[in-house]
Protein backbone atom coordinates (compact mmCIF):
# COMPACT_ATOMS: atom_id res chain seq x y z
CA MET A 1 -9.39 -8.91 3.68
CA ARG A 2 -9.62 -12.38 2.10
CA HIS A 3 -9.45 -10.85 -1.39
CA ILE A 4 -7.10 -7.98 -0.61
CA PHE A 5 -4.09 -9.47 -2.34
CA LYS A 6 -5.87 -11.70 -4.86
CA SER A 7 -5.07 -9.31 -7.67
CA LEU A 8 -1.82 -8.05 -6.17
CA ASN A 9 0.01 -8.05 -9.50
CA LYS A 10 -2.86 -6.46 -11.43
CA LEU A 11 -3.79 -3.56 -9.23
CA LEU A 12 -2.60 -0.47 -7.36
CA PRO A 13 -0.54 3.03 -6.84
CA ILE A 14 1.09 6.24 -4.99
CA LEU A 15 1.40 10.00 -4.98
CA LEU A 16 2.66 13.38 -5.99
CA PHE A 17 2.28 17.11 -5.71
CA SER A 18 3.79 19.14 -8.52
CA ILE A 19 4.35 22.61 -9.85
CA GLY A 20 5.38 21.51 -13.24
CA CYS A 21 8.78 20.04 -13.92
CA ALA A 22 10.11 16.48 -13.66
CA GLU A 23 12.76 17.55 -11.15
CA THR A 24 10.04 18.92 -8.86
CA ASN A 25 7.98 15.75 -9.28
CA LYS A 26 10.89 13.57 -8.23
CA THR A 27 11.49 15.76 -5.19
CA VAL A 28 7.83 15.42 -4.20
CA LEU A 29 7.85 11.64 -4.63
CA ASP A 30 10.92 11.50 -2.42
CA SER A 31 9.10 13.67 0.13
CA ILE A 32 6.14 11.29 0.16
CA SER A 33 8.38 8.29 0.74
CA MET A 34 10.15 10.15 3.53
CA ALA A 35 6.80 11.09 5.08
CA LEU A 36 5.80 7.40 5.20
CA HIS A 37 9.21 6.31 6.53
CA PRO A 38 10.00 8.57 9.50
CA GLU A 39 12.27 7.35 12.23
CA GLY A 40 10.16 5.22 14.55
CA GLY A 41 7.63 4.27 11.86
CA VAL A 42 3.98 5.10 11.20
CA GLN A 43 0.61 3.44 11.66
CA ILE A 44 -2.10 3.83 9.01
CA GLU A 45 -5.79 3.10 9.58
CA ALA A 46 -7.74 2.77 6.33
CA THR A 47 -10.83 1.42 4.61
CA LEU A 48 -10.30 -0.75 1.53
CA GLU A 49 -13.06 -1.19 -1.05
CA GLN A 50 -12.58 -3.54 -3.99
CA ASN A 51 -14.77 -4.26 -7.00
CA GLN A 52 -13.99 -7.14 -9.34
CA SER A 53 -16.46 -8.30 -11.99
CA GLU A 54 -19.77 -8.61 -10.13
CA ASN A 55 -18.21 -8.92 -6.68
CA SER A 56 -17.45 -6.16 -4.22
CA TRP A 57 -16.22 -6.10 -0.63
CA THR A 58 -14.98 -3.75 2.05
CA ASP A 59 -12.42 -4.28 4.79
CA TYR A 60 -10.89 -2.14 7.49
CA ILE A 61 -7.13 -2.45 7.61
CA SER A 62 -4.33 -1.35 9.89
CA VAL A 63 -0.85 -0.89 8.41
CA GLU A 64 2.34 -0.54 10.40
CA ILE A 65 5.39 0.67 8.51
CA VAL A 66 8.43 0.04 10.68
CA ASP A 67 10.73 1.14 7.86
CA SER A 68 10.93 0.90 4.07
CA THR A 69 11.61 -2.86 4.08
CA ASN A 70 9.61 -4.02 7.10
CA PHE A 71 5.85 -3.53 7.38
CA ILE A 72 2.60 -5.35 8.14
CA PHE A 73 -1.02 -5.19 6.89
CA ILE A 74 -3.62 -6.38 9.38
CA GLY A 75 -7.12 -7.14 8.07
CA SER A 76 -10.11 -9.09 9.27
CA ASP A 77 -9.18 -12.44 7.70
CA GLN A 78 -5.44 -12.37 7.18
CA ILE A 79 -2.23 -10.59 8.10
CA ILE A 80 0.47 -9.80 5.55
CA LYS A 81 3.96 -9.21 6.94
CA VAL A 82 6.99 -8.20 4.87
CA GLU A 83 10.48 -8.77 6.27
CA GLU A 84 12.89 -7.39 3.69
CA ASP A 85 12.73 -9.93 0.82
CA THR A 86 10.22 -12.35 2.42
CA ILE A 87 6.45 -12.04 2.63
CA PHE A 88 4.43 -13.96 5.22
CA THR A 89 0.67 -14.38 4.90
CA PHE A 90 -0.85 -15.37 8.25
CA LYS A 91 -4.30 -17.01 8.16
CA PRO A 92 -5.58 -17.16 11.75
CA ASN A 93 -8.70 -19.18 10.85
CA SER A 94 -6.55 -22.12 9.73
CA ASN A 95 -3.45 -21.38 11.85
CA GLN A 96 -1.37 -21.40 8.66
CA VAL A 97 1.32 -19.03 7.46
CA ILE A 98 2.51 -18.93 3.85
CA ALA A 99 6.10 -17.79 3.26
CA ASP A 100 7.19 -16.57 -0.17
CA HIS A 101 9.70 -14.29 -1.87
CA TYR A 102 8.83 -10.58 -1.93
CA TYR A 103 10.01 -8.86 -5.10
CA ARG A 104 10.31 -5.11 -4.64
CA ASP A 105 10.52 -4.44 -8.36
CA GLU A 106 6.98 -5.78 -8.89
CA PHE A 107 4.35 -3.14 -8.20
CA ASN A 108 1.34 -4.11 -6.05
CA LEU A 109 -0.80 -2.95 -3.15
CA LEU A 110 2.06 -3.39 -0.73
CA SER A 111 4.19 -1.06 -2.86
CA LEU A 112 1.44 1.52 -2.75
CA ILE A 113 1.01 2.00 0.97
CA SER A 114 4.60 1.21 1.93
CA GLY A 115 5.88 4.15 -0.12
CA ASN A 116 7.79 2.40 -2.92
CA LEU A 117 6.69 4.68 -5.77
CA TYR A 118 9.29 4.45 -8.48
CA GLN A 119 7.07 2.55 -10.95
CA VAL A 120 4.25 5.13 -10.89
CA GLN A 121 4.07 7.34 -14.00
CA LEU A 122 2.53 10.72 -13.31
CA GLY A 123 -0.19 12.39 -15.35
CA ASP A 124 -2.08 15.61 -14.74
CA VAL A 125 -1.79 17.15 -11.28
CA GLN A 126 -4.47 19.41 -9.82
CA LYS A 127 -3.42 21.56 -6.87
CA ARG A 128 -6.28 22.67 -4.61
CA ILE A 129 -6.39 24.56 -1.32
CA ARG A 130 -6.23 21.58 1.03
CA ASP A 131 -5.18 18.76 -1.21
CA THR A 132 -3.62 17.79 -4.51
CA ILE A 133 -5.11 15.31 -6.97
CA VAL A 134 -2.63 13.28 -8.97
CA ASN A 135 -3.56 11.23 -12.03
CA PHE A 136 -1.21 8.34 -12.69
CA THR A 137 -0.69 5.18 -14.70
CA ILE A 138 1.17 1.96 -14.00
CA PRO A 139 1.87 0.74 -17.54
CA HIS A 140 3.18 -2.77 -16.88
CA ILE A 141 -0.04 -3.77 -15.08
CA GLU A 142 -2.22 -1.67 -17.40
CA SER A 143 -3.79 0.28 -14.55
CA ARG A 144 -4.54 3.92 -13.90
CA GLY A 145 -5.91 5.94 -11.05
CA LYS A 146 -5.94 9.02 -8.88
CA ILE A 147 -4.50 9.85 -5.54
CA TRP A 148 -5.57 12.62 -3.22
CA ILE A 149 -2.68 14.00 -1.12
CA ASP A 150 -2.51 16.39 1.81
CA SER A 151 -0.58 19.30 0.30
CA ASN A 152 1.15 20.08 3.61
CA THR A 153 2.14 16.65 4.96
CA TYR A 154 2.37 14.66 1.68
CA TYR A 155 0.27 11.94 3.32
CA PRO A 156 -2.18 10.11 1.05
CA LEU A 157 -5.84 10.82 1.78
CA ARG A 158 -7.54 8.60 -0.79
CA ILE A 159 -6.29 6.34 -3.56
CA LEU A 160 -8.24 4.99 -6.52
CA LEU A 161 -6.89 2.34 -8.90
CA GLU A 162 -8.78 0.87 -11.83
CA ASP A 163 -8.20 -1.11 -15.02
CA ASP A 164 -9.89 -1.72 -18.37
CA LEU A 165 -11.82 -4.71 -16.99
CA ASP A 166 -13.77 -2.46 -14.60
CA ASN A 167 -11.86 -3.74 -11.59
CA SER A 168 -11.20 -1.04 -9.02
CA SER A 169 -9.71 -0.58 -5.58
CA THR A 170 -10.21 2.43 -3.34
CA ILE A 171 -8.22 3.05 -0.19
CA SER A 172 -9.60 5.74 2.10
CA ILE A 173 -7.05 6.78 4.72
CA ASP A 174 -8.67 7.39 8.10
CA SER A 175 -5.48 8.34 9.95
CA ILE A 176 -1.68 8.27 9.80
CA GLU A 177 0.09 8.54 13.14
CA PRO A 178 3.61 7.98 14.50
CA LEU A 179 4.19 4.41 15.61
CA ASP A 180 4.79 5.37 19.23
CA TYR A 181 4.15 1.99 20.87
CA GLU A 182 5.42 -1.59 20.50
CA PRO A 183 4.29 -2.52 16.98
CA GLN A 184 2.14 -5.59 16.34
CA TYR A 185 4.66 -6.24 13.58
CA TYR A 186 6.90 -8.00 16.12
CA GLU A 187 4.06 -10.14 17.51
CA TYR A 188 3.66 -12.13 14.29
CA GLU A 189 6.33 -14.82 14.16
CA THR A 190 6.07 -18.27 12.58
CA ASP A 191 6.48 -20.24 15.84
CA GLY A 192 3.32 -22.22 16.54
CA TRP A 193 1.93 -21.85 13.00
CA GLU A 194 1.72 -24.46 10.25
CA ILE A 195 4.23 -23.12 7.72
CA ILE A 196 3.73 -23.46 3.97
CA ASP A 197 7.03 -22.37 2.42
CA LEU A 198 6.83 -21.48 -1.28
CA ARG A 199 10.43 -20.30 -1.45
CA GLU A 200 11.85 -23.77 -1.99
């Protein structure tokens, strides 16, 4: 996961199932956000594949969404925790944690999985028996992609994001389950870590 957020401001997306009109699209986007933010939270297990220039890598990530403003991404090399308007990047190998401002109006990978979808512009939508494929663009980061959605639950199944420089990210969702245990989210606090605070 060492590269997972390297291009945070240049990459990534979320979802939609549509029957044709903008009103319906908005309702579906709201449904997706609600599906990812149920009372009690959700846990997502996923595989992340990224390709940038001549480099490619894969990581297995766990995401806990406590609610729309509090969530955590746990990967092999680092942990990203968002507490409302602050983002903490924990680096266990160096026992360091970097604290910075988290701007919700800037679209990135965190926006994608945490269900903040308002900056996604929808394109063609293909409804199939078990899923729906949504084409989208994110103009201000000059990216485009597709998202495969479960037509019944509105959960994402697979997400592809790419740009004109042949960079791409694919998130394959292995499972989304209710967060019915004490989340790891609360285990990651700054006590005992070397803190690098970029908010000052």
